[in-house]
Amino acid sequence: MLKFVKMHGLGNDFVIVDLRDGTPMPSKAKIAALTDRQTGIGCDQFITIEKPKDAGATAYMGIYNAPDGSEAEACGNATRCVADILMRESGKDKVVIQTVVGLLECWRETDGRITADMGVPKFGWKDIPLSKEIDTLHMGIGEGGVKDPVGVSMGNPHAVFFVGDVENLDLQDLGPRFETDPLFPRKANIEFVQVKSPAEMRMRVWERDAGETLACGSGACATHVAAVRRGLAQRKARVIVNGGPLDFHWRESDDHILMTGAVAHVFDGVIKNI
């Protein structure tokens, strides 16, 4: 028997399980079954809360993609959802979540939204990683009105394309094509972005191994910093994803990017015969 919480951040949804009491980790096959939207609970990612491996952390968070249970390095919306759980549990307004890429500090704003410090974005070709050394500000792939993306690592790989009309793009064609481009040896999350103003962008995302989703926190982070690097946006800006708005501040003082947005609790449940 396994207790779980269903939550989402702007429609980017998760099945979250707490393993801190010694409950065993489900197998990849079980994760695949649970994340299936027709025959299971359904979600974009399966999330675990575990005992921290670092004394400075409140808890460790594991991230596993639907449908195959492959482990992901980062998920900003899941980070904010887990932070909400931990803050309600402790009665505190600040927690530190450990992931495979480091410690992420999170806190609750006065309006109830959750802010996650997503750390310092990286732009080196080996950091993303890419299969060859190129300028990550102008990576050159693509064609027509969808070309020349910016490469960003938020602990996971991203390619950000700036386009004239994001709403009418065929992501079912473009997404998997760029996700699996030979330039990305570990595949990549692909963002398609229309800049409305220096303070606002509209983004659609094709998530690695998941397809188009309503929101992707790390992808919105990558979008913001890519736009700033290209001179298209200011360091405080809003990214509107399919599920709603996320607000960002890429601090000049330490290059950390802060992401603020809403989270929602959907329901609790129990999985039998786990």
C-alpha atoms as a PDB file:
ATOM      1  CA  MET A   1       0.000   0.000   0.000  1.00  0.00           C
ATOM      2  CA  LEU A   2       1.383   3.408  -0.987  1.00  0.00           C
ATOM      3  CA  LYS A   3      -0.090   6.778  -0.043  1.00  0.00           C
ATOM      4  CA  PHE A   4       0.197   9.560  -2.609  1.00  0.00           C
ATOM      5  CA  VAL A   5      -0.701  13.187  -3.216  1.00  0.00           C
ATOM      6  CA  LYS A   6      -1.810  14.504  -6.615  1.00  0.00           C
ATOM      7  CA  MET A   7      -0.707  18.129  -7.176  1.00  0.00           C
ATOM      8  CA  HIS A   8      -0.010  20.439 -10.067  1.00  0.00           C
ATOM      9  CA  GLY A   9       1.794  23.669 -10.825  1.00  0.00           C
ATOM     10  CA  LEU A  10      -0.125  25.483 -13.586  1.00  0.00           C
ATOM     11  CA  GLY A  11      -1.308  22.148 -14.961  1.00  0.00           C
ATOM     12  CA  ASN A  12       2.108  20.451 -14.854  1.00  0.00           C
ATOM     13  CA  ASP A  13       0.871  17.549 -12.709  1.00  0.00           C
ATOM     14  CA  PHE A  14       2.526  15.084 -10.360  1.00  0.00           C
ATOM     15  CA  VAL A  15       1.915  11.993  -8.300  1.00  0.00           C
ATOM     16  CA  ILE A  16       3.955  12.597  -5.136  1.00  0.00           C
ATOM     17  CA  VAL A  17       4.842   9.824  -2.684  1.00  0.00           C
ATOM     18  CA  ASP A  18       6.586  10.140   0.679  1.00  0.00           C
ATOM     19  CA  LEU A  19       9.280   7.488   1.202  1.00  0.00           C
ATOM     20  CA  ARG A  20      10.783   8.967   4.362  1.00  0.00           C
ATOM     21  CA  ASP A  21       9.143   6.285   6.530  1.00  0.00           C
ATOM     22  CA  GLY A  22      11.043   3.503   4.762  1.00  0.00           C
ATOM     23  CA  THR A  23       8.401   2.701   2.131  1.00  0.00           C
ATOM     24  CA  PRO A  24      10.272   1.051  -0.767  1.00  0.00           C
ATOM     25  CA  MET A  25      10.737   2.811  -4.092  1.00  0.00           C
ATOM     26  CA  PRO A  26       8.306   1.498  -6.756  1.00  0.00           C
ATOM     27  CA  SER A  27       9.841  -0.207  -9.783  1.00  0.00           C
ATOM     28  CA  LYS A  28      10.049   1.529 -13.163  1.00  0.00           C
ATOM     29  CA  ALA A  29       7.278  -0.735 -14.400  1.00  0.00           C
ATOM     30  CA  LYS A  30       5.036   0.317 -11.514  1.00  0.00           C
ATOM     31  CA  ILE A  31       5.837   3.993 -12.079  1.00  0.00           C
ATOM     32  CA  ALA A  32       4.925   3.576 -15.742  1.00  0.00           C
ATOM     33  CA  ALA A  33       1.602   1.987 -14.737  1.00  0.00           C
ATOM     34  CA  LEU A  34       0.784   4.669 -12.164  1.00  0.00           C
ATOM     35  CA  THR A  35       1.578   7.593 -14.473  1.00  0.00           C
ATOM     36  CA  ASP A  36      -0.582   6.291 -17.341  1.00  0.00           C
ATOM     37  CA  ARG A  37      -3.550   8.635 -17.851  1.00  0.00           C
ATOM     38  CA  GLN A  38      -5.911   5.923 -19.120  1.00  0.00           C
ATOM     39  CA  THR A  39      -5.183   2.999 -16.813  1.00  0.00           C
ATOM     40  CA  GLY A  40      -3.387   4.607 -13.854  1.00  0.00           C
ATOM     41  CA  ILE A  41      -3.566   7.848 -11.881  1.00  0.00           C
ATOM     42  CA  GLY A  42      -1.944   9.906 -14.612  1.00  0.00           C
ATOM     43  CA  CYS A  43       0.698  12.644 -14.375  1.00  0.00           C
ATOM     44  CA  ASP A  44       3.626  14.281 -16.149  1.00  0.00           C
ATOM     45  CA  GLN A  45       6.142  13.161 -13.506  1.00  0.00           C
ATOM     46  CA  PHE A  46       6.256  10.777 -10.558  1.00  0.00           C
ATOM     47  CA  ILE A  47       7.866  12.507  -7.560  1.00  0.00           C
ATOM     48  CA  THR A  48       9.394  11.043  -4.411  1.00  0.00           C
ATOM     49  CA  ILE A  49      10.055  12.779  -1.099  1.00  0.00           C
ATOM     50  CA  GLU A  50      12.954  11.069   0.671  1.00  0.00           C
ATOM     51  CA  LYS A  51      15.230  11.617   3.641  1.00  0.00           C
ATOM     52  CA  PRO A  52      17.847  14.263   2.800  1.00  0.00           C
ATOM     53  CA  LYS A  53      21.379  13.201   1.962  1.00  0.00           C
ATOM     54  CA  ASP A  54      22.712  16.622   3.010  1.00  0.00           C
ATOM     55  CA  ALA A  55      22.413  18.029   6.531  1.00  0.00           C
ATOM     56  CA  GLY A  56      21.363  21.407   5.123  1.00  0.00           C
ATOM     57  CA  ALA A  57      18.304  20.028   3.312  1.00  0.00           C
ATOM     58  CA  THR A  58      14.748  19.559   4.544  1.00  0.00           C
ATOM     59  CA  ALA A  59      14.166  16.589   2.218  1.00  0.00           C
ATOM     60  CA  TYR A  60      15.412  14.961  -0.982  1.00  0.00           C
ATOM     61  CA  MET A  61      13.215  15.009  -4.101  1.00  0.00           C
ATOM     62  CA  GLY A  62      13.381  12.373  -6.842  1.00  0.00           C
ATOM     63  CA  ILE A  63      11.900  13.104 -10.294  1.00  0.00           C
ATOM     64  CA  TYR A  64      10.778  10.346 -12.690  1.00  0.00           C
ATOM     65  CA  ASN A  65       9.266  10.958 -16.112  1.00  0.00           C
ATOM     66  CA  ALA A  66       6.094   9.453 -17.469  1.00  0.00           C
ATOM     67  CA  PRO A  67       5.711   7.071 -19.132  1.00  0.00           C
ATOM     68  CA  ASP A  68       8.967   5.131 -18.735  1.00  0.00           C
ATOM     69  CA  GLY A  69      10.117   6.028 -15.213  1.00  0.00           C
ATOM     70  CA  SER A  70      13.378   7.553 -16.462  1.00  0.00           C
ATOM     71  CA  GLU A  71      14.982   9.864 -13.903  1.00  0.00           C
ATOM     72  CA  ALA A  72      15.046  13.610 -14.609  1.00  0.00           C
ATOM     73  CA  GLU A  73      17.496  16.100 -13.146  1.00  0.00           C
ATOM     74  CA  ALA A  74      15.183  19.064 -12.539  1.00  0.00           C
ATOM     75  CA  CYS A  75      11.531  20.083 -12.388  1.00  0.00           C
ATOM     76  CA  GLY A  76      10.733  23.554 -11.121  1.00  0.00           C
ATOM     77  CA  ASN A  77       6.981  23.055 -10.742  1.00  0.00           C
ATOM     78  CA  ALA A  78       7.461  19.805  -8.821  1.00  0.00           C
ATOM     79  CA  THR A  79       9.973  21.602  -6.590  1.00  0.00           C
ATOM     80  CA  ARG A  80       7.358  24.199  -5.713  1.00  0.00           C
ATOM     81  CA  CYS A  81       4.710  21.525  -5.061  1.00  0.00           C
ATOM     82  CA  VAL A  82       7.003  19.558  -2.759  1.00  0.00           C
ATOM     83  CA  ALA A  83       7.988  22.805  -1.022  1.00  0.00           C
ATOM     84  CA  ASP A  84       4.302  23.484  -0.336  1.00  0.00           C
ATOM     85  CA  ILE A  85       3.915  20.015   1.243  1.00  0.00           C
ATOM     86  CA  LEU A  86       7.016  20.441   3.411  1.00  0.00           C
ATOM     87  CA  MET A  87       6.089  23.954   4.535  1.00  0.00           C
ATOM     88  CA  ARG A  88       2.562  22.904   5.505  1.00  0.00           C
ATOM     89  CA  GLU A  89       4.014  19.924   7.354  1.00  0.00           C
ATOM     90  CA  SER A  90       6.579  21.978   9.300  1.00  0.00           C
ATOM     91  CA  GLY A  91       4.613  25.197   9.716  1.00  0.00           C
ATOM     92  CA  LYS A  92       7.585  27.095   8.294  1.00  0.00           C
ATOM     93  CA  ASP A  93       7.643  29.437   5.316  1.00  0.00           C
ATOM     94  CA  LYS A  94      11.042  28.333   3.997  1.00  0.00           C
ATOM     95  CA  VAL A  95      12.526  24.913   3.135  1.00  0.00           C
ATOM     96  CA  VAL A  96      15.549  23.541   1.277  1.00  0.00           C
ATOM     97  CA  ILE A  97      14.969  20.721  -1.208  1.00  0.00           C
ATOM     98  CA  GLN A  98      17.825  18.495  -2.323  1.00  0.00           C
ATOM     99  CA  THR A  99      17.890  17.129  -5.881  1.00  0.00           C
ATOM    100  CA  VAL A 100      20.492  15.331  -7.979  1.00  0.00           C
ATOM    101  CA  VAL A 101      21.736  18.751  -9.154  1.00  0.00           C
ATOM    102  CA  GLY A 102      21.984  20.409  -5.734  1.00  0.00           C
ATOM    103  CA  LEU A 103      20.060  22.273  -3.045  1.00  0.00           C
ATOM    104  CA  LEU A 104      17.074  24.462  -3.961  1.00  0.00           C
ATOM    105  CA  GLU A 105      15.802  26.993  -1.433  1.00  0.00           C
ATOM    106  CA  CYS A 106      12.040  27.644  -1.560  1.00  0.00           C
ATOM    107  CA  TRP A 107       9.714  29.976   0.313  1.00  0.00           C
ATOM    108  CA  ARG A 108       6.094  31.075   0.452  1.00  0.00           C
ATOM    109  CA  GLU A 109       5.225  34.596  -0.701  1.00  0.00           C
ATOM    110  CA  THR A 110       2.678  36.731   1.154  1.00  0.00           C
ATOM    111  CA  ASP A 111       0.120  36.028  -1.603  1.00  0.00           C
ATOM    112  CA  GLY A 112       0.490  32.261  -1.076  1.00  0.00           C
ATOM    113  CA  ARG A 113       2.514  31.546  -4.215  1.00  0.00           C
ATOM    114  CA  ILE A 114       5.730  29.570  -3.928  1.00  0.00           C
ATOM    115  CA  THR A 115       9.150  30.838  -5.003  1.00  0.00           C
ATOM    116  CA  ALA A 116      11.956  28.431  -5.835  1.00  0.00           C
ATOM    117  CA  ASP A 117      15.571  29.503  -6.175  1.00  0.00           C
ATOM    118  CA  MET A 118      16.505  27.451  -9.229  1.00  0.00           C
ATOM    119  CA  GLY A 119      20.201  28.228  -8.925  1.00  0.00           C
ATOM    120  CA  VAL A 120      22.608  29.443 -11.591  1.00  0.00           C
ATOM    121  CA  PRO A 121      21.868  28.603 -15.239  1.00  0.00           C
ATOM    122  CA  LYS A 122      24.778  27.287 -17.277  1.00  0.00           C
ATOM    123  CA  PHE A 123      25.570  27.887 -20.922  1.00  0.00           C
ATOM    124  CA  GLY A 124      28.709  25.870 -21.636  1.00  0.00           C
ATOM    125  CA  TRP A 125      28.319  23.299 -24.416  1.00  0.00           C
ATOM    126  CA  LYS A 126      29.553  20.549 -22.087  1.00  0.00           C
ATOM    127  CA  ASP A 127      27.136  21.655 -19.334  1.00  0.00           C
ATOM    128  CA  ILE A 128      23.993  21.273 -21.437  1.00  0.00           C
ATOM    129  CA  PRO A 129      25.458  18.847 -22.814  1.00  0.00           C
ATOM    130  CA  LEU A 130      25.930  19.100 -26.584  1.00  0.00           C
ATOM    131  CA  SER A 131      27.622  16.596 -28.848  1.00  0.00           C
ATOM    132  CA  LYS A 132      30.094  19.182 -30.140  1.00  0.00           C
ATOM    133  CA  GLU A 133      31.554  22.545 -29.213  1.00  0.00           C
ATOM    134  CA  ILE A 134      29.444  25.413 -30.578  1.00  0.00           C
ATOM    135  CA  ASP A 135      28.229  28.844 -29.469  1.00  0.00           C
ATOM    136  CA  THR A 136      25.204  28.112 -27.263  1.00  0.00           C
ATOM    137  CA  LEU A 137      23.781  31.596 -27.849  1.00  0.00           C
ATOM    138  CA  HIS A 138      23.292  30.727 -31.533  1.00  0.00           C
ATOM    139  CA  MET A 139      23.145  26.955 -32.002  1.00  0.00           C
ATOM    140  CA  GLY A 140      22.086  27.121 -35.638  1.00  0.00           C
ATOM    141  CA  ILE A 141      19.766  24.116 -35.923  1.00  0.00           C
ATOM    142  CA  GLY A 142      16.240  24.385 -37.333  1.00  0.00           C
ATOM    143  CA  GLU A 143      14.760  25.907 -40.442  1.00  0.00           C
ATOM    144  CA  GLY A 144      12.330  28.576 -41.659  1.00  0.00           C
ATOM    145  CA  GLY A 145      10.810  30.516 -38.776  1.00  0.00           C
ATOM    146  CA  VAL A 146      11.962  27.950 -36.197  1.00  0.00           C
ATOM    147  CA  LYS A 147      15.737  28.037 -36.053  1.00  0.00           C
ATOM    148  CA  ASP A 148      18.867  29.106 -34.180  1.00  0.00           C
ATOM    149  CA  PRO A 149      17.928  28.243 -30.564  1.00  0.00           C
ATOM    150  CA  VAL A 150      19.713  29.239 -27.373  1.00  0.00           C
ATOM    151  CA  GLY A 151      21.137  26.395 -25.295  1.00  0.00           C
ATOM    152  CA  VAL A 152      20.658  26.447 -21.520  1.00  0.00           C
ATOM    153  CA  SER A 153      21.251  24.005 -18.686  1.00  0.00           C
ATOM    154  CA  MET A 154      19.021  24.302 -15.627  1.00  0.00           C
ATOM    155  CA  GLY A 155      20.496  21.035 -14.386  1.00  0.00           C
ATOM    156  CA  ASN A 156      18.716  19.520 -17.390  1.00  0.00           C
ATOM    157  CA  PRO A 157      19.150  20.363 -21.108  1.00  0.00           C
ATOM    158  CA  HIS A 158      17.069  23.015 -22.905  1.00  0.00           C
ATOM    159  CA  ALA A 159      16.939  24.522 -26.387  1.00  0.00           C
ATOM    160  CA  VAL A 160      14.938  27.759 -26.640  1.00  0.00           C
ATOM    161  CA  PHE A 161      13.570  28.813 -30.045  1.00  0.00           C
ATOM    162  CA  PHE A 162      12.251  32.362 -30.499  1.00  0.00           C
ATOM    163  CA  VAL A 163       9.387  32.447 -33.009  1.00  0.00           C
ATOM    164  CA  GLY A 164       6.928  34.956 -34.445  1.00  0.00           C
ATOM    165  CA  ASP A 165       3.722  32.994 -33.758  1.00  0.00           C
ATOM    166  CA  VAL A 166       3.954  30.356 -31.043  1.00  0.00           C
ATOM    167  CA  GLU A 167       0.253  29.465 -30.990  1.00  0.00           C
ATOM    168  CA  ASN A 168       0.133  27.980 -34.488  1.00  0.00           C
ATOM    169  CA  LEU A 169       3.268  25.822 -34.332  1.00  0.00           C
ATOM    170  CA  ASP A 170       2.922  22.072 -34.834  1.00  0.00           C
ATOM    171  CA  LEU A 171       4.658  20.853 -31.680  1.00  0.00           C
ATOM    172  CA  GLN A 172       3.773  17.235 -32.434  1.00  0.00           C
ATOM    173  CA  ASP A 173       6.102  17.508 -35.424  1.00  0.00           C
ATOM    174  CA  LEU A 174       8.715  19.973 -34.223  1.00  0.00           C
ATOM    175  CA  GLY A 175       9.028  18.810 -30.607  1.00  0.00           C
ATOM    176  CA  PRO A 176      10.233  15.234 -31.091  1.00  0.00           C
ATOM    177  CA  ARG A 177      12.377  16.248 -34.060  1.00  0.00           C
ATOM    178  CA  PHE A 178      14.412  18.746 -32.023  1.00  0.00           C
ATOM    179  CA  GLU A 179      14.288  16.718 -28.786  1.00  0.00           C
ATOM    180  CA  THR A 180      16.218  13.918 -30.480  1.00  0.00           C
ATOM    181  CA  ASP A 181      18.505  16.055 -32.672  1.00  0.00           C
ATOM    182  CA  PRO A 182      22.049  14.603 -32.790  1.00  0.00           C
ATOM    183  CA  LEU A 183      23.261  17.816 -31.143  1.00  0.00           C
ATOM    184  CA  PHE A 184      21.697  16.599 -27.858  1.00  0.00           C
ATOM    185  CA  PRO A 185      23.250  13.299 -26.712  1.00  0.00           C
ATOM    186  CA  ARG A 186      20.838  13.109 -23.733  1.00  0.00           C
ATOM    187  CA  LYS A 187      17.960  14.598 -25.717  1.00  0.00           C
ATOM    188  CA  ALA A 188      16.613  18.020 -24.697  1.00  0.00           C
ATOM    189  CA  ASN A 189      13.568  19.926 -23.513  1.00  0.00           C
ATOM    190  CA  ILE A 190      12.437  22.191 -26.351  1.00  0.00           C
ATOM    191  CA  GLU A 191      10.890  25.612 -25.722  1.00  0.00           C
ATOM    192  CA  PHE A 192       9.108  27.702 -28.362  1.00  0.00           C
ATOM    193  CA  VAL A 193       8.768  31.337 -27.312  1.00  0.00           C
ATOM    194  CA  GLN A 194       7.080  34.457 -28.605  1.00  0.00           C
ATOM    195  CA  VAL A 195       8.315  37.658 -26.954  1.00  0.00           C
ATOM    196  CA  LYS A 196       5.373  39.981 -26.306  1.00  0.00           C
ATOM    197  CA  SER A 197       7.446  42.673 -24.543  1.00  0.00           C
ATOM    198  CA  PRO A 198      10.647  42.863 -22.473  1.00  0.00           C
ATOM    199  CA  ALA A 199       8.472  41.995 -19.466  1.00  0.00           C
ATOM    200  CA  GLU A 200       6.327  39.211 -20.939  1.00  0.00           C
ATOM    201  CA  MET A 201       6.797  36.088 -23.056  1.00  0.00           C
ATOM    202  CA  ARG A 202       4.494  33.308 -24.234  1.00  0.00           C
ATOM    203  CA  MET A 203       5.992  29.814 -24.163  1.00  0.00           C
ATOM    204  CA  ARG A 204       4.974  26.355 -25.293  1.00  0.00           C
ATOM    205  CA  VAL A 205       7.168  23.423 -24.336  1.00  0.00           C
ATOM    206  CA  TRP A 206       7.939  19.945 -25.572  1.00  0.00           C
ATOM    207  CA  GLU A 207       9.316  18.139 -22.522  1.00  0.00           C
ATOM    208  CA  ARG A 208      11.930  15.474 -22.961  1.00  0.00           C
ATOM    209  CA  ASP A 209      10.279  12.025 -22.740  1.00  0.00           C
ATOM    210  CA  ALA A 210       6.881  13.567 -21.883  1.00  0.00           C
ATOM    211  CA  GLY A 211       5.698  15.567 -24.911  1.00  0.00           C
ATOM    212  CA  GLU A 212       3.850  18.888 -24.789  1.00  0.00           C
ATOM    213  CA  THR A 213       2.807  19.782 -21.244  1.00  0.00           C
ATOM    214  CA  LEU A 214       0.785  22.628 -19.749  1.00  0.00           C
ATOM    215  CA  ALA A 215       3.840  23.969 -17.932  1.00  0.00           C
ATOM    216  CA  CYS A 216       7.530  23.296 -17.379  1.00  0.00           C
ATOM    217  CA  GLY A 217       9.252  25.256 -14.625  1.00  0.00           C
ATOM    218  CA  SER A 218      12.825  24.582 -15.670  1.00  0.00           C
ATOM    219  CA  GLY A 219      11.818  25.287 -19.280  1.00  0.00           C
ATOM    220  CA  ALA A 220      10.324  28.643 -18.315  1.00  0.00           C
ATOM    221  CA  CYS A 221      13.541  29.429 -16.414  1.00  0.00           C
ATOM    222  CA  ALA A 222      15.561  28.543 -19.500  1.00  0.00           C
ATOM    223  CA  THR A 223      13.257  30.708 -21.621  1.00  0.00           C
ATOM    224  CA  HIS A 224      13.737  33.734 -19.410  1.00  0.00           C
ATOM    225  CA  VAL A 225      17.523  33.569 -19.228  1.00  0.00           C
ATOM    226  CA  ALA A 226      17.773  32.831 -22.965  1.00  0.00           C
ATOM    227  CA  ALA A 227      15.676  35.928 -23.715  1.00  0.00           C
ATOM    228  CA  VAL A 228      17.839  38.065 -21.433  1.00  0.00           C
ATOM    229  CA  ARG A 229      20.996  36.730 -23.104  1.00  0.00           C
ATOM    230  CA  ARG A 230      19.584  37.633 -26.523  1.00  0.00           C
ATOM    231  CA  GLY A 231      18.656  41.129 -25.307  1.00  0.00           C
ATOM    232  CA  LEU A 232      14.931  40.435 -25.689  1.00  0.00           C
ATOM    233  CA  ALA A 233      13.820  40.602 -22.044  1.00  0.00           C
ATOM    234  CA  GLN A 234      14.624  42.290 -18.763  1.00  0.00           C
ATOM    235  CA  ARG A 235      15.837  40.458 -15.669  1.00  0.00           C
ATOM    236  CA  LYS A 236      12.386  40.611 -14.063  1.00  0.00           C
ATOM    237  CA  ALA A 237       9.768  39.195 -16.429  1.00  0.00           C
ATOM    238  CA  ARG A 238       6.735  36.938 -16.771  1.00  0.00           C
ATOM    239  CA  VAL A 239       6.554  33.756 -18.834  1.00  0.00           C
ATOM    240  CA  ILE A 240       3.043  32.615 -19.742  1.00  0.00           C
ATOM    241  CA  VAL A 241       2.796  28.861 -20.281  1.00  0.00           C
ATOM    242  CA  ASN A 242      -0.285  26.902 -21.366  1.00  0.00           C
ATOM    243  CA  GLY A 243      -1.358  26.609 -17.715  1.00  0.00           C
ATOM    244  CA  GLY A 244      -0.827  30.242 -16.688  1.00  0.00           C
ATOM    245  CA  PRO A 245       1.851  32.742 -15.589  1.00  0.00           C
ATOM    246  CA  LEU A 246       5.214  32.258 -13.905  1.00  0.00           C
ATOM    247  CA  ASP A 247       7.227  35.239 -12.670  1.00  0.00           C
ATOM    248  CA  PHE A 248      11.026  35.361 -12.793  1.00  0.00           C
ATOM    249  CA  HIS A 249      13.871  37.383 -11.375  1.00  0.00           C
ATOM    250  CA  TRP A 250      17.351  36.581 -12.684  1.00  0.00           C
ATOM    251  CA  ARG A 251      19.408  38.305 -10.023  1.00  0.00           C
ATOM    252  CA  GLU A 252      22.484  40.205 -11.121  1.00  0.00           C
ATOM    253  CA  SER A 253      24.059  39.895  -7.670  1.00  0.00           C
ATOM    254  CA  ASP A 254      24.645  36.126  -7.845  1.00  0.00           C
ATOM    255  CA  ASP A 255      23.103  34.984 -11.181  1.00  0.00           C
ATOM    256  CA  HIS A 256      20.499  32.855  -9.378  1.00  0.00           C
ATOM    257  CA  ILE A 257      17.116  32.687 -11.076  1.00  0.00           C
ATOM    258  CA  LEU A 258      13.996  32.836  -8.890  1.00  0.00           C
ATOM    259  CA  MET A 259      10.723  31.370 -10.112  1.00  0.00           C
ATOM    260  CA  THR A 260       7.374  32.267  -8.506  1.00  0.00           C
ATOM    261  CA  GLY A 261       4.006  30.700  -9.235  1.00  0.00           C
ATOM    262  CA  ALA A 262       0.908  29.006  -7.896  1.00  0.00           C
ATOM    263  CA  VAL A 263       0.562  25.358  -6.879  1.00  0.00           C
ATOM    264  CA  ALA A 264      -2.606  23.343  -6.325  1.00  0.00           C
ATOM    265  CA  HIS A 265      -3.498  20.268  -4.294  1.00  0.00           C
ATOM    266  CA  VAL A 266      -5.849  18.002  -6.259  1.00  0.00           C
ATOM    267  CA  PHE A 267      -6.464  14.952  -4.034  1.00  0.00           C
ATOM    268  CA  ASP A 268      -4.885  12.355  -1.748  1.00  0.00           C
ATOM    269  CA  GLY A 269      -5.098   8.634  -2.358  1.00  0.00           C
ATOM    270  CA  VAL A 270      -3.838   5.177  -1.564  1.00  0.00           C
ATOM    271  CA  ILE A 271      -2.387   2.742  -4.068  1.00  0.00           C
ATOM    272  CA  LYS A 272      -3.064  -0.884  -3.121  1.00  0.00           C
ATOM    273  CA  ASN A 273      -1.030  -3.919  -4.196  1.00  0.00           C
ATOM    274  CA  ILE A 274       2.049  -1.782  -4.854  1.00  0.00           C
END
